[in-house]
């Protein structure tokens, strides 16, 4: 399968998001406690899992002939991503041992990690 440059950028954003979440969780465990670290990881996964779905949906098609399919996949993928995020948040907040503050912090920092990946990649190229 032939991938475009944008495909690699999106993949790098997902990888950086996962690295960001899983590298911060031991630090949170050390300075706070295990429940905080586990809640942080759950919050990060609430952000990461729908992004993986969107990535797989959008990059299932490629090439100039598939442009309409790509746009359609982008719109539907984003709608499903929002719905999945809401469902995952509800599920995460229902976890008996979950700490809501750390779930939200994990989600926010995972989102920041998603934004930092392409920024790092563009700085690396220059």
PDB file of N, CA and C in Angstrom:
ATOM      1  N   UNK A   1       0.848  -1.179   0.000  1.00  0.00           N
ATOM      2  CA  UNK A   1       0.000   0.000   0.000  1.00  0.00           C
ATOM      3  C   UNK A   1       0.893   1.241   0.000  1.00  0.00           C
ATOM      4  N   UNK A   2       0.641   2.134  -0.895  1.00  0.00           N
ATOM      5  CA  UNK A   2       1.429   3.352  -1.023  1.00  0.00           C
ATOM      6  C   UNK A   2       0.819   4.445  -0.136  1.00  0.00           C
ATOM      7  N   UNK A   3       1.648   5.018   0.752  1.00  0.00           N
ATOM      8  CA  UNK A   3       1.168   6.040   1.673  1.00  0.00           C
ATOM      9  C   UNK A   3       1.730   7.394   1.295  1.00  0.00           C
ATOM     10  N   UNK A   4       0.944   8.405   1.516  1.00  0.00           N
ATOM     11  CA  UNK A   4       1.390   9.762   1.239  1.00  0.00           C
ATOM     12  C   UNK A   4       2.096  10.320   2.458  1.00  0.00           C
ATOM     13  N   UNK A   5       2.676  11.486   2.287  1.00  0.00           N
ATOM     14  CA  UNK A   5       3.368  12.164   3.372  1.00  0.00           C
ATOM     15  C   UNK A   5       2.411  12.487   4.512  1.00  0.00           C
ATOM     16  N   UNK A   6       1.193  12.905   4.193  1.00  0.00           N
ATOM     17  CA  UNK A   6       0.215  13.249   5.226  1.00  0.00           C
ATOM     18  C   UNK A   6      -0.142  12.028   6.065  1.00  0.00           C
ATOM     19  N   UNK A   7      -0.157  10.866   5.454  1.00  0.00           N
ATOM     20  CA  UNK A   7      -0.426   9.634   6.183  1.00  0.00           C
ATOM     21  C   UNK A   7       0.614   9.448   7.285  1.00  0.00           C
ATOM     22  N   UNK A   8       1.872   9.688   6.952  1.00  0.00           N
ATOM     23  CA  UNK A   8       2.943   9.536   7.932  1.00  0.00           C
ATOM     24  C   UNK A   8       2.840  10.591   9.024  1.00  0.00           C
ATOM     25  N   UNK A   9       2.434  11.797   8.677  1.00  0.00           N
ATOM     26  CA  UNK A   9       2.241  12.840   9.688  1.00  0.00           C
ATOM     27  C   UNK A   9       1.156  12.451  10.677  1.00  0.00           C
ATOM     28  N   UNK A  10       0.058  11.939  10.168  1.00  0.00           N
ATOM     29  CA  UNK A  10      -1.044  11.530  11.044  1.00  0.00           C
ATOM     30  C   UNK A  10      -0.615  10.361  11.927  1.00  0.00           C
ATOM     31  N   UNK A  11       0.117   9.418  11.367  1.00  0.00           N
ATOM     32  CA  UNK A  11       0.604   8.296  12.153  1.00  0.00           C
ATOM     33  C   UNK A  11       1.557   8.778  13.237  1.00  0.00           C
ATOM     34  N   UNK A  12       2.427   9.719  12.893  1.00  0.00           N
ATOM     35  CA  UNK A  12       3.357  10.261  13.876  1.00  0.00           C
ATOM     36  C   UNK A  12       2.605  10.969  15.004  1.00  0.00           C
ATOM     37  N   UNK A  13       1.525  11.661  14.689  1.00  0.00           N
ATOM     38  CA  UNK A  13       0.722  12.335  15.712  1.00  0.00           C
ATOM     39  C   UNK A  13       0.135  11.309  16.683  1.00  0.00           C
ATOM     40  N   UNK A  14      -0.345  10.190  16.171  1.00  0.00           N
ATOM     41  CA  UNK A  14      -0.890   9.146  17.047  1.00  0.00           C
ATOM     42  C   UNK A  14       0.195   8.513  17.916  1.00  0.00           C
ATOM     43  N   UNK A  15       1.340   8.264  17.318  1.00  0.00           N
ATOM     44  CA  UNK A  15       2.445   7.665  18.073  1.00  0.00           C
ATOM     45  C   UNK A  15       2.927   8.613  19.160  1.00  0.00           C
ATOM     46  N   UNK A  16       3.038   9.896  18.829  1.00  0.00           N
ATOM     47  CA  UNK A  16       3.485  10.855  19.839  1.00  0.00           C
ATOM     48  C   UNK A  16       2.463  10.989  20.958  1.00  0.00           C
ATOM     49  N   UNK A  17       1.200  10.884  20.628  1.00  0.00           N
ATOM     50  CA  UNK A  17       0.147  10.933  21.638  1.00  0.00           C
ATOM     51  C   UNK A  17       0.288   9.758  22.602  1.00  0.00           C
ATOM     52  N   UNK A  18       0.494   8.577  22.078  1.00  0.00           N
ATOM     53  CA  UNK A  18       0.653   7.391  22.926  1.00  0.00           C
ATOM     54  C   UNK A  18       1.923   7.487  23.772  1.00  0.00           C
ATOM     55  N   UNK A  19       3.013   7.935  23.175  1.00  0.00           N
ATOM     56  CA  UNK A  19       4.267   8.092  23.919  1.00  0.00           C
ATOM     57  C   UNK A  19       4.092   9.099  25.045  1.00  0.00           C
ATOM     58  N   UNK A  20       3.419  10.192  24.765  1.00  0.00           N
ATOM     59  CA  UNK A  20       3.191  11.241  25.749  1.00  0.00           C
ATOM     60  C   UNK A  20       2.418  10.688  26.948  1.00  0.00           C
ATOM     61  N   UNK A  21       1.361   9.959  26.687  1.00  0.00           N
ATOM     62  CA  UNK A  21       0.527   9.420  27.774  1.00  0.00           C
ATOM     63  C   UNK A  21       1.288   8.378  28.580  1.00  0.00           C
ATOM     64  N   UNK A  22       1.887   7.416  27.891  1.00  0.00           N
ATOM     65  CA  UNK A  22       2.512   6.310  28.604  1.00  0.00           C
ATOM     66  C   UNK A  22       3.848   6.672  29.235  1.00  0.00           C
ATOM     67  N   UNK A  23       4.481   7.751  28.796  1.00  0.00           N
ATOM     68  CA  UNK A  23       5.712   8.179  29.464  1.00  0.00           C
ATOM     69  C   UNK A  23       5.421   9.057  30.680  1.00  0.00           C
ATOM     70  N   UNK A  24       4.288   9.727  30.711  1.00  0.00           N
ATOM     71  CA  UNK A  24       3.940  10.543  31.875  1.00  0.00           C
ATOM     72  C   UNK A  24       3.299   9.731  32.997  1.00  0.00           C
ATOM     73  N   UNK A  25       2.705   8.605  32.677  1.00  0.00           N
ATOM     74  CA  UNK A  25       2.001   7.832  33.704  1.00  0.00           C
ATOM     75  C   UNK A  25       2.923   7.335  34.826  1.00  0.00           C
ATOM     76  N   UNK A  26       4.150   6.864  34.565  1.00  0.00           N
ATOM     77  CA  UNK A  26       5.011   6.474  35.699  1.00  0.00           C
ATOM     78  C   UNK A  26       5.389   7.666  36.592  1.00  0.00           C
ATOM     79  N   UNK A  27       5.515   8.830  35.990  1.00  0.00           N
ATOM     80  CA  UNK A  27       5.825  10.033  36.776  1.00  0.00           C
ATOM     81  C   UNK A  27       4.658  10.359  37.706  1.00  0.00           C
ATOM     82  N   UNK A  28       3.456  10.252  37.187  1.00  0.00           N
ATOM     83  CA  UNK A  28       2.261  10.501  38.002  1.00  0.00           C
ATOM     84  C   UNK A  28       2.165   9.459  39.114  1.00  0.00           C
ATOM     85  N   UNK A  29       2.475   8.212  38.797  1.00  0.00           N
ATOM     86  CA  UNK A  29       2.455   7.155  39.800  1.00  0.00           C
ATOM     87  C   UNK A  29       3.459   7.460  40.913  1.00  0.00           C
ATOM     88  N   UNK A  30       4.647   7.921  40.530  1.00  0.00           N
ATOM     89  CA  UNK A  30       5.692   8.199  41.513  1.00  0.00           C
ATOM     90  C   UNK A  30       5.311   9.363  42.439  1.00  0.00           C
ATOM     91  N   UNK A  31       4.811  10.449  41.867  1.00  0.00           N
ATOM     92  CA  UNK A  31       4.524  11.637  42.661  1.00  0.00           C
ATOM     93  C   UNK A  31       3.142  11.620  43.317  1.00  0.00           C
ATOM     94  N   UNK A  32       2.201  10.863  42.779  1.00  0.00           N
ATOM     95  CA  UNK A  32       0.874  10.780  43.369  1.00  0.00           C
ATOM     96  C   UNK A  32       0.635   9.341  43.806  1.00  0.00           C
ATOM     97  N   UNK A  33      -0.144   8.593  43.064  1.00  0.00           N
ATOM     98  CA  UNK A  33      -0.381   7.201  43.434  1.00  0.00           C
ATOM     99  C   UNK A  33      -0.852   6.428  42.209  1.00  0.00           C
ATOM    100  N   UNK A  34      -0.975   5.121  42.379  1.00  0.00           N
ATOM    101  CA  UNK A  34      -1.311   4.237  41.258  1.00  0.00           C
ATOM    102  C   UNK A  34      -2.680   4.556  40.675  1.00  0.00           C
ATOM    103  N   UNK A  35      -3.654   4.832  41.511  1.00  0.00           N
ATOM    104  CA  UNK A  35      -4.998   5.151  40.992  1.00  0.00           C
ATOM    105  C   UNK A  35      -4.965   6.384  40.106  1.00  0.00           C
ATOM    106  N   UNK A  36      -4.174   7.383  40.484  1.00  0.00           N
ATOM    107  CA  UNK A  36      -4.055   8.587  39.654  1.00  0.00           C
ATOM    108  C   UNK A  36      -3.419   8.240  38.311  1.00  0.00           C
ATOM    109  N   UNK A  37      -2.360   7.433  38.331  1.00  0.00           N
ATOM    110  CA  UNK A  37      -1.685   7.054  37.085  1.00  0.00           C
ATOM    111  C   UNK A  37      -2.605   6.226  36.184  1.00  0.00           C
ATOM    112  N   UNK A  38      -3.354   5.296  36.784  1.00  0.00           N
ATOM    113  CA  UNK A  38      -4.263   4.476  35.983  1.00  0.00           C
ATOM    114  C   UNK A  38      -5.404   5.320  35.417  1.00  0.00           C
ATOM    115  N   UNK A  39      -5.912   6.241  36.195  1.00  0.00           N
ATOM    116  CA  UNK A  39      -6.965   7.136  35.704  1.00  0.00           C
ATOM    117  C   UNK A  39      -6.425   8.024  34.588  1.00  0.00           C
ATOM    118  N   UNK A  40      -5.177   8.467  34.730  1.00  0.00           N
ATOM    119  CA  UNK A  40      -4.528   9.268  33.701  1.00  0.00           C
ATOM    120  C   UNK A  40      -4.430   8.492  32.387  1.00  0.00           C
ATOM    121  N   UNK A  41      -4.027   7.234  32.462  1.00  0.00           N
ATOM    122  CA  UNK A  41      -3.917   6.396  31.263  1.00  0.00           C
ATOM    123  C   UNK A  41      -5.295   6.176  30.633  1.00  0.00           C
ATOM    124  N   UNK A  42      -6.301   5.946  31.457  1.00  0.00           N
ATOM    125  CA  UNK A  42      -7.660   5.774  30.932  1.00  0.00           C
ATOM    126  C   UNK A  42      -8.092   7.041  30.183  1.00  0.00           C
ATOM    127  N   UNK A  43      -7.836   8.204  30.775  1.00  0.00           N
ATOM    128  CA  UNK A  43      -8.160   9.467  30.101  1.00  0.00           C
ATOM    129  C   UNK A  43      -7.404   9.630  28.795  1.00  0.00           C
ATOM    130  N   UNK A  44      -6.146   9.222  28.794  1.00  0.00           N
ATOM    131  CA  UNK A  44      -5.371   9.276  27.554  1.00  0.00           C
ATOM    132  C   UNK A  44      -5.931   8.349  26.493  1.00  0.00           C
ATOM    133  N   UNK A  45      -6.382   7.181  26.909  1.00  0.00           N
ATOM    134  CA  UNK A  45      -6.970   6.239  25.954  1.00  0.00           C
ATOM    135  C   UNK A  45      -8.324   6.718  25.437  1.00  0.00           C
ATOM    136  N   UNK A  46      -9.043   7.485  26.268  1.00  0.00           N
ATOM    137  CA  UNK A  46     -10.303   8.079  25.807  1.00  0.00           C
ATOM    138  C   UNK A  46     -10.031   9.008  24.630  1.00  0.00           C
ATOM    139  N   UNK A  47      -8.886   9.654  24.633  1.00  0.00           N
ATOM    140  CA  UNK A  47      -8.511  10.536  23.523  1.00  0.00           C
ATOM    141  C   UNK A  47      -7.875   9.751  22.367  1.00  0.00           C
ATOM    142  N   UNK A  48      -7.035   8.797  22.690  1.00  0.00           N
ATOM    143  CA  UNK A  48      -6.268   8.073  21.673  1.00  0.00           C
ATOM    144  C   UNK A  48      -7.122   7.119  20.840  1.00  0.00           C
ATOM    145  N   UNK A  49      -7.999   6.361  21.459  1.00  0.00           N
ATOM    146  CA  UNK A  49      -8.771   5.339  20.736  1.00  0.00           C
ATOM    147  C   UNK A  49      -9.644   5.923  19.619  1.00  0.00           C
ATOM    148  N   UNK A  50     -10.411   6.989  19.868  1.00  0.00           N
ATOM    149  CA  UNK A  50     -11.184   7.566  18.761  1.00  0.00           C
ATOM    150  C   UNK A  50     -10.298   8.160  17.654  1.00  0.00           C
ATOM    151  N   UNK A  51      -9.133   8.667  18.027  1.00  0.00           N
ATOM    152  CA  UNK A  51      -8.210   9.182  17.006  1.00  0.00           C
ATOM    153  C   UNK A  51      -7.682   8.061  16.121  1.00  0.00           C
ATOM    154  N   UNK A  52      -7.442   6.893  16.708  1.00  0.00           N
ATOM    155  CA  UNK A  52      -7.010   5.737  15.916  1.00  0.00           C
ATOM    156  C   UNK A  52      -8.117   5.333  14.950  1.00  0.00           C
ATOM    157  N   UNK A  53      -9.355   5.337  15.435  1.00  0.00           N
ATOM    158  CA  UNK A  53     -10.481   5.019  14.549  1.00  0.00           C
ATOM    159  C   UNK A  53     -10.525   5.990  13.367  1.00  0.00           C
ATOM    160  N   UNK A  54     -10.420   7.288  13.663  1.00  0.00           N
ATOM    161  CA  UNK A  54     -10.477   8.286  12.597  1.00  0.00           C
ATOM    162  C   UNK A  54      -9.322   8.099  11.615  1.00  0.00           C
ATOM    163  N   UNK A  55      -8.147   7.857  12.127  1.00  0.00           N
ATOM    164  CA  UNK A  55      -6.970   7.628  11.284  1.00  0.00           C
ATOM    165  C   UNK A  55      -7.201   6.449  10.339  1.00  0.00           C
ATOM    166  N   UNK A  56      -7.685   5.341  10.869  1.00  0.00           N
ATOM    167  CA  UNK A  56      -7.924   4.149  10.044  1.00  0.00           C
ATOM    168  C   UNK A  56      -9.015   4.402   9.011  1.00  0.00           C
ATOM    169  N   UNK A  57     -10.025   5.150   9.407  1.00  0.00           N
ATOM    170  CA  UNK A  57     -11.152   5.433   8.502  1.00  0.00           C
ATOM    171  C   UNK A  57     -10.723   6.325   7.340  1.00  0.00           C
ATOM    172  N   UNK A  58     -10.019   7.403   7.651  1.00  0.00           N
ATOM    173  CA  UNK A  58      -9.652   8.376   6.616  1.00  0.00           C
ATOM    174  C   UNK A  58      -8.589   7.821   5.678  1.00  0.00           C
ATOM    175  N   UNK A  59      -7.603   7.122   6.225  1.00  0.00           N
ATOM    176  CA  UNK A  59      -6.511   6.654   5.378  1.00  0.00           C
ATOM    177  C   UNK A  59      -6.745   5.265   4.801  1.00  0.00           C
ATOM    178  N   UNK A  60      -7.990   4.821   4.812  1.00  0.00           N
ATOM    179  CA  UNK A  60      -8.325   3.573   4.133  1.00  0.00           C
ATOM    180  C   UNK A  60      -8.325   3.779   2.619  1.00  0.00           C
ATOM    181  N   UNK A  61      -8.496   5.027   2.198  1.00  0.00           N
ATOM    182  CA  UNK A  61      -8.523   5.366   0.775  1.00  0.00           C
ATOM    183  C   UNK A  61      -7.342   6.283   0.463  1.00  0.00           C
ATOM    184  N   UNK A  62      -6.845   6.206  -0.759  1.00  0.00           N
ATOM    185  CA  UNK A  62      -5.790   7.117  -1.176  1.00  0.00           C
ATOM    186  C   UNK A  62      -5.845   7.278  -2.686  1.00  0.00           C
ATOM    187  N   UNK A  63      -5.238   8.331  -3.141  1.00  0.00           N
ATOM    188  CA  UNK A  63      -5.180   8.589  -4.574  1.00  0.00           C
ATOM    189  C   UNK A  63      -6.203   9.620  -5.004  1.00  0.00           C
ATOM    190  N   UNK A  64      -5.987  10.172  -6.176  1.00  0.00           N
ATOM    191  CA  UNK A  64      -6.855  11.225  -6.703  1.00  0.00           C
ATOM    192  C   UNK A  64      -8.256  10.704  -7.012  1.00  0.00           C
ATOM    193  N   UNK A  65      -8.361   9.460  -7.412  1.00  0.00           N
ATOM    194  CA  UNK A  65      -9.673   8.894  -7.747  1.00  0.00           C
ATOM    195  C   UNK A  65     -10.533   8.660  -6.508  1.00  0.00           C
ATOM    196  N   UNK A  66      -9.916   8.617  -5.361  1.00  0.00           N
ATOM    197  CA  UNK A  66     -10.650   8.337  -4.132  1.00  0.00           C
ATOM    198  C   UNK A  66     -10.950   9.600  -3.335  1.00  0.00           C
ATOM    199  N   UNK A  67     -10.839  10.763  -3.953  1.00  0.00           N
ATOM    200  CA  UNK A  67     -10.991  12.013  -3.208  1.00  0.00           C
ATOM    201  C   UNK A  67     -12.375  12.150  -2.571  1.00  0.00           C
ATOM    202  N   UNK A  68     -13.412  11.754  -3.290  1.00  0.00           N
ATOM    203  CA  UNK A  68     -14.753  11.832  -2.699  1.00  0.00           C
ATOM    204  C   UNK A  68     -14.895  10.864  -1.539  1.00  0.00           C
ATOM    205  N   UNK A  69     -14.327   9.690  -1.670  1.00  0.00           N
ATOM    206  CA  UNK A  69     -14.377   8.716  -0.576  1.00  0.00           C
ATOM    207  C   UNK A  69     -13.614   9.232   0.644  1.00  0.00           C
ATOM    208  N   UNK A  70     -12.506   9.903   0.408  1.00  0.00           N
ATOM    209  CA  UNK A  70     -11.708  10.443   1.509  1.00  0.00           C
ATOM    210  C   UNK A  70     -12.482  11.517   2.256  1.00  0.00           C
ATOM    211  N   UNK A  71     -13.119  12.424   1.528  1.00  0.00           N
ATOM    212  CA  UNK A  71     -13.895  13.484   2.170  1.00  0.00           C
ATOM    213  C   UNK A  71     -15.070  12.897   2.950  1.00  0.00           C
ATOM    214  N   UNK A  72     -15.757  11.950   2.351  1.00  0.00           N
ATOM    215  CA  UNK A  72     -16.881  11.302   3.022  1.00  0.00           C
ATOM    216  C   UNK A  72     -16.393  10.567   4.281  1.00  0.00           C
ATOM    217  N   UNK A  73     -15.274   9.874   4.170  1.00  0.00           N
ATOM    218  CA  UNK A  73     -14.711   9.160   5.318  1.00  0.00           C
ATOM    219  C   UNK A  73     -14.295  10.141   6.409  1.00  0.00           C
ATOM    220  N   UNK A  74     -13.796  11.292   6.019  1.00  0.00           N
ATOM    221  CA  UNK A  74     -13.391  12.299   7.001  1.00  0.00           C
ATOM    222  C   UNK A  74     -14.588  12.810   7.794  1.00  0.00           C
ATOM    223  N   UNK A  75     -15.663  13.146   7.113  1.00  0.00           N
ATOM    224  CA  UNK A  75     -16.855  13.644   7.801  1.00  0.00           C
ATOM    225  C   UNK A  75     -17.475  12.580   8.705  1.00  0.00           C
ATOM    226  N   UNK A  76     -17.688  11.385   8.160  1.00  0.00           N
ATOM    227  CA  UNK A  76     -18.278  10.320   8.962  1.00  0.00           C
ATOM    228  C   UNK A  76     -17.335   9.895  10.080  1.00  0.00           C
ATOM    229  N   UNK A  77     -16.065   9.828   9.782  1.00  0.00           N
ATOM    230  CA  UNK A  77     -15.081   9.449  10.801  1.00  0.00           C
ATOM    231  C   UNK A  77     -15.045  10.427  11.956  1.00  0.00           C
ATOM    232  N   UNK A  78     -15.125  11.721  11.646  1.00  0.00           N
ATOM    233  CA  UNK A  78     -15.118  12.727  12.709  1.00  0.00           C
ATOM    234  C   UNK A  78     -16.395  12.642  13.543  1.00  0.00           C
ATOM    235  N   UNK A  79     -17.524  12.413  12.911  1.00  0.00           N
ATOM    236  CA  UNK A  79     -18.785  12.274  13.649  1.00  0.00           C
ATOM    237  C   UNK A  79     -18.724  11.065  14.584  1.00  0.00           C
ATOM    238  N   UNK A  80     -18.245   9.947  14.070  1.00  0.00           N
ATOM    239  CA  UNK A  80     -18.140   8.743  14.899  1.00  0.00           C
ATOM    240  C   UNK A  80     -17.099   8.955  15.999  1.00  0.00           C
ATOM    241  N   UNK A  81     -16.025   9.667  15.691  1.00  0.00           N
ATOM    242  CA  UNK A  81     -14.999   9.954  16.694  1.00  0.00           C
ATOM    243  C   UNK A  81     -15.586  10.734  17.865  1.00  0.00           C
ATOM    244  N   UNK A  82     -16.400  11.712  17.590  1.00  0.00           N
ATOM    245  CA  UNK A  82     -17.023  12.509  18.657  1.00  0.00           C
ATOM    246  C   UNK A  82     -17.951  11.631  19.500  1.00  0.00           C
ATOM    247  N   UNK A  83     -18.726  10.782  18.842  1.00  0.00           N
ATOM    248  CA  UNK A  83     -19.628   9.880  19.560  1.00  0.00           C
ATOM    249  C   UNK A  83     -18.827   8.890  20.411  1.00  0.00           C
ATOM    250  N   UNK A  84     -17.766   8.323  19.844  1.00  0.00           N
ATOM    251  CA  UNK A  84     -16.927   7.392  20.605  1.00  0.00           C
ATOM    252  C   UNK A  84     -16.288   8.076  21.810  1.00  0.00           C
ATOM    253  N   UNK A  85     -15.821   9.299  21.613  1.00  0.00           N
ATOM    254  CA  UNK A  85     -15.213  10.033  22.725  1.00  0.00           C
ATOM    255  C   UNK A  85     -16.218  10.216  23.856  1.00  0.00           C
ATOM    256  N   UNK A  86     -17.453  10.585  23.523  1.00  0.00           N
ATOM    257  CA  UNK A  86     -18.483  10.762  24.552  1.00  0.00           C
ATOM    258  C   UNK A  86     -18.773   9.442  25.262  1.00  0.00           C
ATOM    259  N   UNK A  87     -18.898   8.364  24.506  1.00  0.00           N
ATOM    260  CA  UNK A  87     -19.168   7.051  25.107  1.00  0.00           C
ATOM    261  C   UNK A  87     -18.015   6.614  25.996  1.00  0.00           C
ATOM    262  N   UNK A  88     -16.780   6.810  25.516  1.00  0.00           N
ATOM    263  CA  UNK A  88     -15.616   6.419  26.314  1.00  0.00           C
ATOM    264  C   UNK A  88     -15.493   7.260  27.581  1.00  0.00           C
ATOM    265  N   UNK A  89     -15.817   8.558  27.484  1.00  0.00           N
ATOM    266  CA  UNK A  89     -15.803   9.399  28.682  1.00  0.00           C
ATOM    267  C   UNK A  89     -16.819   8.903  29.708  1.00  0.00           C
ATOM    268  N   UNK A  90     -18.003   8.604  29.258  1.00  0.00           N
ATOM    269  CA  UNK A  90     -19.033   8.098  30.177  1.00  0.00           C
ATOM    270  C   UNK A  90     -18.551   6.795  30.819  1.00  0.00           C
ATOM    271  N   UNK A  91     -18.019   5.912  30.001  1.00  0.00           N
ATOM    272  CA  UNK A  91     -17.508   4.652  30.531  1.00  0.00           C
ATOM    273  C   UNK A  91     -16.362   4.858  31.507  1.00  0.00           C
ATOM    274  N   UNK A  92     -15.461   5.775  31.191  1.00  0.00           N
ATOM    275  CA  UNK A  92     -14.312   6.040  32.070  1.00  0.00           C
ATOM    276  C   UNK A  92     -14.766   6.627  33.398  1.00  0.00           C
ATOM    277  N   UNK A  93     -15.754   7.489  33.355  1.00  0.00           N
ATOM    278  CA  UNK A  93     -16.234   8.105  34.589  1.00  0.00           C
ATOM    279  C   UNK A  93     -17.046   7.129  35.448  1.00  0.00           C
ATOM    280  N   UNK A  94     -17.487   6.029  34.871  1.00  0.00           N
ATOM    281  CA  UNK A  94     -18.223   5.014  35.624  1.00  0.00           C
ATOM    282  C   UNK A  94     -17.313   3.968  36.261  1.00  0.00           C
ATOM    283  N   UNK A  95     -16.027   4.015  35.956  1.00  0.00           N
ATOM    284  CA  UNK A  95     -15.083   3.065  36.558  1.00  0.00           C
ATOM    285  C   UNK A  95     -15.019   3.350  38.057  1.00  0.00           C
ATOM    286  N   UNK A  96     -15.244   2.339  38.896  1.00  0.00           N
ATOM    287  CA  UNK A  96     -15.304   2.585  40.341  1.00  0.00           C
ATOM    288  C   UNK A  96     -14.017   3.169  40.939  1.00  0.00           C
ATOM    289  N   UNK A  97     -12.859   2.747  40.445  1.00  0.00           N
ATOM    290  CA  UNK A  97     -11.605   3.233  40.990  1.00  0.00           C
ATOM    291  C   UNK A  97     -11.096   4.480  40.277  1.00  0.00           C
ATOM    292  N   UNK A  98     -11.796   4.901  39.242  1.00  0.00           N
ATOM    293  CA  UNK A  98     -11.348   6.046  38.455  1.00  0.00           C
ATOM    294  C   UNK A  98     -11.456   7.361  39.209  1.00  0.00           C
ATOM    295  N   UNK A  99     -10.497   8.222  38.987  1.00  0.00           N
ATOM    296  CA  UNK A  99     -10.491   9.564  39.570  1.00  0.00           C
ATOM    297  C   UNK A  99     -10.789  10.559  38.447  1.00  0.00           C
ATOM    298  N   UNK A 100     -11.962  11.176  38.468  1.00  0.00           N
ATOM    299  CA  UNK A 100     -12.375  12.041  37.351  1.00  0.00           C
ATOM    300  C   UNK A 100     -11.373  13.126  36.985  1.00  0.00           C
ATOM    301  N   UNK A 101     -10.764  13.750  37.970  1.00  0.00           N
ATOM    302  CA  UNK A 101      -9.787  14.803  37.673  1.00  0.00           C
ATOM    303  C   UNK A 101      -8.636  14.256  36.834  1.00  0.00           C
ATOM    304  N   UNK A 102      -8.124  13.088  37.215  1.00  0.00           N
ATOM    305  CA  UNK A 102      -7.007  12.506  36.480  1.00  0.00           C
ATOM    306  C   UNK A 102      -7.432  11.976  35.113  1.00  0.00           C
ATOM    307  N   UNK A 103      -8.674  11.552  34.989  1.00  0.00           N
ATOM    308  CA  UNK A 103      -9.175  11.145  33.672  1.00  0.00           C
ATOM    309  C   UNK A 103      -9.180  12.352  32.729  1.00  0.00           C
ATOM    310  N   UNK A 104      -9.664  13.481  33.212  1.00  0.00           N
ATOM    311  CA  UNK A 104      -9.684  14.698  32.390  1.00  0.00           C
ATOM    312  C   UNK A 104      -8.270  15.204  32.088  1.00  0.00           C
ATOM    313  N   UNK A 105      -7.389  15.144  33.077  1.00  0.00           N
ATOM    314  CA  UNK A 105      -5.997  15.555  32.842  1.00  0.00           C
ATOM    315  C   UNK A 105      -5.358  14.646  31.796  1.00  0.00           C
ATOM    316  N   UNK A 106      -5.600  13.344  31.892  1.00  0.00           N
ATOM    317  CA  UNK A 106      -5.060  12.411  30.902  1.00  0.00           C
ATOM    318  C   UNK A 106      -5.567  12.715  29.502  1.00  0.00           C
ATOM    319  N   UNK A 107      -6.855  13.028  29.401  1.00  0.00           N
ATOM    320  CA  UNK A 107      -7.431  13.372  28.101  1.00  0.00           C
ATOM    321  C   UNK A 107      -6.787  14.642  27.546  1.00  0.00           C
ATOM    322  N   UNK A 108      -6.679  15.665  28.378  1.00  0.00           N
ATOM    323  CA  UNK A 108      -6.110  16.940  27.918  1.00  0.00           C
ATOM    324  C   UNK A 108      -4.648  16.800  27.516  1.00  0.00           C
ATOM    325  N   UNK A 109      -3.873  16.092  28.321  1.00  0.00           N
ATOM    326  CA  UNK A 109      -2.461  15.935  27.975  1.00  0.00           C
ATOM    327  C   UNK A 109      -2.275  15.031  26.754  1.00  0.00           C
ATOM    328  N   UNK A 110      -3.154  14.066  26.570  1.00  0.00           N
ATOM    329  CA  UNK A 110      -3.097  13.251  25.349  1.00  0.00           C
ATOM    330  C   UNK A 110      -3.382  14.123  24.127  1.00  0.00           C
ATOM    331  N   UNK A 111      -4.329  15.035  24.263  1.00  0.00           N
ATOM    332  CA  UNK A 111      -4.629  15.944  23.155  1.00  0.00           C
ATOM    333  C   UNK A 111      -3.441  16.858  22.865  1.00  0.00           C
ATOM    334  N   UNK A 112      -2.780  17.329  23.913  1.00  0.00           N
ATOM    335  CA  UNK A 112      -1.582  18.147  23.723  1.00  0.00           C
ATOM    336  C   UNK A 112      -0.490  17.330  23.045  1.00  0.00           C
ATOM    337  N   UNK A 113      -0.338  16.075  23.446  1.00  0.00           N
ATOM    338  CA  UNK A 113       0.634  15.190  22.796  1.00  0.00           C
ATOM    339  C   UNK A 113       0.329  14.998  21.319  1.00  0.00           C
ATOM    340  N   UNK A 114      -0.952  14.941  20.983  1.00  0.00           N
ATOM    341  CA  UNK A 114      -1.371  14.814  19.589  1.00  0.00           C
ATOM    342  C   UNK A 114      -0.971  16.054  18.786  1.00  0.00           C
ATOM    343  N   UNK A 115      -1.042  17.221  19.408  1.00  0.00           N
ATOM    344  CA  UNK A 115      -0.660  18.461  18.730  1.00  0.00           C
ATOM    345  C   UNK A 115       0.853  18.614  18.631  1.00  0.00           C
ATOM    346  N   UNK A 116       1.579  18.095  19.612  1.00  0.00           N
ATOM    347  CA  UNK A 116       3.032  18.265  19.627  1.00  0.00           C
ATOM    348  C   UNK A 116       3.744  17.380  18.608  1.00  0.00           C
ATOM    349  N   UNK A 117       3.144  16.260  18.244  1.00  0.00           N
ATOM    350  CA  UNK A 117       3.776  15.350  17.285  1.00  0.00           C
ATOM    351  C   UNK A 117       4.096  16.015  15.958  1.00  0.00           C
ATOM    352  N   UNK A 118       3.122  16.611  15.272  1.00  0.00           N
ATOM    353  CA  UNK A 118       3.430  17.280  14.008  1.00  0.00           C
ATOM    354  C   UNK A 118       4.351  18.485  14.169  1.00  0.00           C
ATOM    355  N   UNK A 119       4.251  19.187  15.287  1.00  0.00           N
ATOM    356  CA  UNK A 119       5.152  20.323  15.517  1.00  0.00           C
ATOM    357  C   UNK A 119       6.592  19.823  15.617  1.00  0.00           C
ATOM    358  N   UNK A 120       6.800  18.750  16.372  1.00  0.00           N
ATOM    359  CA  UNK A 120       8.132  18.170  16.486  1.00  0.00           C
ATOM    360  C   UNK A 120       8.631  17.691  15.137  1.00  0.00           C
ATOM    361  N   UNK A 121       7.772  17.067  14.368  1.00  0.00           N
ATOM    362  CA  UNK A 121       8.153  16.565  13.053  1.00  0.00           C
ATOM    363  C   UNK A 121       8.563  17.693  12.121  1.00  0.00           C
ATOM    364  N   UNK A 122       7.837  18.810  12.162  1.00  0.00           N
ATOM    365  CA  UNK A 122       8.186  19.938  11.286  1.00  0.00           C
ATOM    366  C   UNK A 122       9.493  20.592  11.734  1.00  0.00           C
ATOM    367  N   UNK A 123       9.759  20.641  13.033  1.00  0.00           N
ATOM    368  CA  UNK A 123      11.025  21.196  13.508  1.00  0.00           C
ATOM    369  C   UNK A 123      12.203  20.286  13.161  1.00  0.00           C
ATOM    370  N   UNK A 124      11.950  18.987  13.187  1.00  0.00           N
ATOM    371  CA  UNK A 124      12.981  18.007  12.865  1.00  0.00           C
ATOM    372  C   UNK A 124      13.398  18.104  11.396  1.00  0.00           C
ATOM    373  N   UNK A 125      12.457  18.453  10.512  1.00  0.00           N
ATOM    374  CA  UNK A 125      12.742  18.534   9.082  1.00  0.00           C
ATOM    375  C   UNK A 125      13.563  19.782   8.732  1.00  0.00           C
ATOM    376  N   UNK A 126      13.409  20.831   9.537  1.00  0.00           N
ATOM    377  CA  UNK A 126      14.121  22.093   9.234  1.00  0.00           C
ATOM    378  C   UNK A 126      15.505  22.123   9.754  1.00  0.00           C
TER     379      UNK A 126
END
